[in-house]
Each structure stands twice: as C-alpha cells, then as structure tokens.
Amino acid sequence: MSEPWFRHNERGIGPGLPIHRNGWITLGSYIFLLIIFPWPLEMWLGYAPRSTQRFATMIALTIPFGFLAWRKTDGGWGRREKRYEDE
C-alpha cells in the first residue's frame, strides 16, 4: 500500500499524472462519476438538479478523490518551482 499512484506535480500544488494502474482507475472513476451522477440525482429528486445541488455533488466526489490522491502522491504535495540554470 506504500506504492505511489500519482507523481508529484512539477509546478504548483497537487498531484501530477497517474504512474500506477490504480491511479488511472481512480482518476477514470472520478471523471466517470462526475459525468454520470446528474442522472441518478434526477431520478432520486424527481426533477433536474439545480446548480447548487450539482455543486454539492461535485464537492462530495472531489473531497475523497483529493484525499486519496494526496495520500498516494510520490513526494507529497507542495509548491515546486522548476528552476532553470544558465549553462
């Protein structure tokens, strides 16, 4: 379980692209759920979800994904700046 799923982002804060199969599965599942979730929400509510309900759903899906990506990123999150040296 200590194997990283995402590489660190070269610039900025957050994870980079997945480097492990589980990272790709997690990212694909997250994107799939963001796309597909309005339809079950509409069936449950009986009407098209409002923008606040869609936003709350997006946050509810993003928080667990962000936590998992944070835990499984190689080198952790943090601000990194790519420095260029004159040769």
C-alpha atoms as a PDB file:
ATOM      1  CA  MET A   1       0.000   0.000   0.000  1.00  0.00           C
ATOM      2  CA  SER A   2       3.018   2.276   0.154  1.00  0.00           C
ATOM      3  CA  GLU A   3       3.472   2.311  -3.627  1.00  0.00           C
ATOM      4  CA  PRO A   4       2.656   5.766  -5.091  1.00  0.00           C
ATOM      5  CA  TRP A   5      -0.172   6.056  -7.609  1.00  0.00           C
ATOM      6  CA  PHE A   6       0.485   9.633  -8.737  1.00  0.00           C
ATOM      7  CA  ARG A   7       3.710  11.505  -9.412  1.00  0.00           C
ATOM      8  CA  HIS A   8       4.247  14.927  -7.932  1.00  0.00           C
ATOM      9  CA  ASN A   9       3.274  17.958  -9.952  1.00  0.00           C
ATOM     10  CA  GLU A  10       6.310  19.746 -11.368  1.00  0.00           C
ATOM     11  CA  ARG A  11       4.738  23.168 -10.960  1.00  0.00           C
ATOM     12  CA  GLY A  12       2.160  24.268  -8.458  1.00  0.00           C
ATOM     13  CA  ILE A  13       0.412  22.210  -5.807  1.00  0.00           C
ATOM     14  CA  GLY A  14      -1.318  18.869  -6.201  1.00  0.00           C
ATOM     15  CA  PRO A  15      -0.796  15.550  -7.927  1.00  0.00           C
ATOM     16  CA  GLY A  16       0.510  15.057 -11.418  1.00  0.00           C
ATOM     17  CA  LEU A  17      -0.493  12.315 -13.813  1.00  0.00           C
ATOM     18  CA  PRO A  18      -1.006   8.782 -12.517  1.00  0.00           C
ATOM     19  CA  ILE A  19       2.026   6.484 -12.629  1.00  0.00           C
ATOM     20  CA  HIS A  20       0.301   3.311 -11.431  1.00  0.00           C
ATOM     21  CA  ARG A  21      -2.645   1.335 -12.741  1.00  0.00           C
ATOM     22  CA  ASN A  22      -4.649   2.095  -9.586  1.00  0.00           C
ATOM     23  CA  GLY A  23      -4.096   5.814 -10.122  1.00  0.00           C
ATOM     24  CA  TRP A  24      -5.543   5.600 -13.631  1.00  0.00           C
ATOM     25  CA  ILE A  25      -8.514   3.586 -12.361  1.00  0.00           C
ATOM     26  CA  THR A  26      -9.132   6.124  -9.594  1.00  0.00           C
ATOM     27  CA  LEU A  27      -8.892   9.103 -11.955  1.00  0.00           C
ATOM     28  CA  GLY A  28     -11.142   7.421 -14.541  1.00  0.00           C
ATOM     29  CA  SER A  29     -13.721   6.526 -11.891  1.00  0.00           C
ATOM     30  CA  TYR A  30     -13.716  10.084 -10.557  1.00  0.00           C
ATOM     31  CA  ILE A  31     -14.280  11.566 -14.019  1.00  0.00           C
ATOM     32  CA  PHE A  32     -16.949   8.962 -14.816  1.00  0.00           C
ATOM     33  CA  LEU A  33     -18.832   9.757 -11.599  1.00  0.00           C
ATOM     34  CA  LEU A  34     -18.677  13.495 -12.259  1.00  0.00           C
ATOM     35  CA  ILE A  35     -20.194  12.957 -15.706  1.00  0.00           C
ATOM     36  CA  ILE A  36     -22.811  10.326 -14.844  1.00  0.00           C
ATOM     37  CA  PHE A  37     -24.032  11.474 -11.420  1.00  0.00           C
ATOM     38  CA  PRO A  38     -26.662  14.067 -12.518  1.00  0.00           C
ATOM     39  CA  TRP A  39     -28.894  11.286 -13.929  1.00  0.00           C
ATOM     40  CA  PRO A  40     -29.253   9.269 -10.683  1.00  0.00           C
ATOM     41  CA  LEU A  41     -29.681  12.551  -8.826  1.00  0.00           C
ATOM     42  CA  GLU A  42     -32.506  13.500 -11.202  1.00  0.00           C
ATOM     43  CA  MET A  43     -34.170  10.107 -10.720  1.00  0.00           C
ATOM     44  CA  TRP A  44     -33.922  10.419  -6.932  1.00  0.00           C
ATOM     45  CA  LEU A  45     -35.157  14.017  -6.773  1.00  0.00           C
ATOM     46  CA  GLY A  46     -37.789  13.697  -9.499  1.00  0.00           C
ATOM     47  CA  TYR A  47     -36.583  16.862 -11.258  1.00  0.00           C
ATOM     48  CA  ALA A  48     -33.389  18.151 -12.818  1.00  0.00           C
ATOM     49  CA  PRO A  49     -30.884  19.063 -10.099  1.00  0.00           C
ATOM     50  CA  ARG A  50     -30.220  22.729  -9.517  1.00  0.00           C
ATOM     51  CA  SER A  51     -26.752  24.180  -9.843  1.00  0.00           C
ATOM     52  CA  THR A  52     -26.288  24.228  -6.054  1.00  0.00           C
ATOM     53  CA  GLN A  53     -27.116  20.526  -5.881  1.00  0.00           C
ATOM     54  CA  ARG A  54     -24.724  19.781  -8.737  1.00  0.00           C
ATOM     55  CA  PHE A  55     -22.022  21.816  -6.996  1.00  0.00           C
ATOM     56  CA  ALA A  56     -22.583  19.967  -3.704  1.00  0.00           C
ATOM     57  CA  THR A  57     -22.342  16.654  -5.551  1.00  0.00           C
ATOM     58  CA  MET A  58     -19.112  17.752  -7.227  1.00  0.00           C
ATOM     59  CA  ILE A  59     -17.623  18.711  -3.848  1.00  0.00           C
ATOM     60  CA  ALA A  60     -18.801  15.422  -2.286  1.00  0.00           C
ATOM     61  CA  LEU A  61     -16.976  13.482  -5.022  1.00  0.00           C
ATOM     62  CA  THR A  62     -13.867  15.698  -5.102  1.00  0.00           C
ATOM     63  CA  ILE A  63     -13.024  15.601  -1.390  1.00  0.00           C
ATOM     64  CA  PRO A  64     -12.469  11.807  -1.193  1.00  0.00           C
ATOM     65  CA  PHE A  65     -10.601  11.805  -4.511  1.00  0.00           C
ATOM     66  CA  GLY A  66      -8.369  14.666  -3.358  1.00  0.00           C
ATOM     67  CA  PHE A  67      -7.630  12.955  -0.056  1.00  0.00           C
ATOM     68  CA  LEU A  68      -6.737   9.694  -1.802  1.00  0.00           C
ATOM     69  CA  ALA A  69      -4.556  11.490  -4.353  1.00  0.00           C
ATOM     70  CA  TRP A  70      -2.821  13.377  -1.537  1.00  0.00           C
ATOM     71  CA  ARG A  71      -2.073  10.133   0.312  1.00  0.00           C
ATOM     72  CA  LYS A  72      -0.836   8.314  -2.794  1.00  0.00           C
ATOM     73  CA  THR A  73       1.290  11.034  -4.448  1.00  0.00           C
ATOM     74  CA  ASP A  74       5.010  10.342  -4.785  1.00  0.00           C
ATOM     75  CA  GLY A  75       6.834  13.056  -2.852  1.00  0.00           C
ATOM     76  CA  GLY A  76       3.659  14.546  -1.406  1.00  0.00           C
ATOM     77  CA  TRP A  77       2.059  17.851  -2.272  1.00  0.00           C
ATOM     78  CA  GLY A  78       3.816  21.139  -2.008  1.00  0.00           C
ATOM     79  CA  ARG A  79       4.805  24.111  -4.053  1.00  0.00           C
ATOM     80  CA  ARG A  80       7.559  23.331  -6.515  1.00  0.00           C
ATOM     81  CA  GLU A  81       9.177  25.640  -8.968  1.00  0.00           C
ATOM     82  CA  LYS A  82      11.184  24.393 -11.872  1.00  0.00           C
ATOM     83  CA  ARG A  83      14.420  26.334 -11.897  1.00  0.00           C
ATOM     84  CA  TYR A  84      16.477  26.809 -14.992  1.00  0.00           C
ATOM     85  CA  GLU A  85      20.195  27.327 -14.691  1.00  0.00           C
ATOM     86  CA  ASP A  86      22.300  29.118 -17.267  1.00  0.00           C
ATOM     87  CA  GLU A  87      24.717  26.728 -18.861  1.00  0.00           C
END
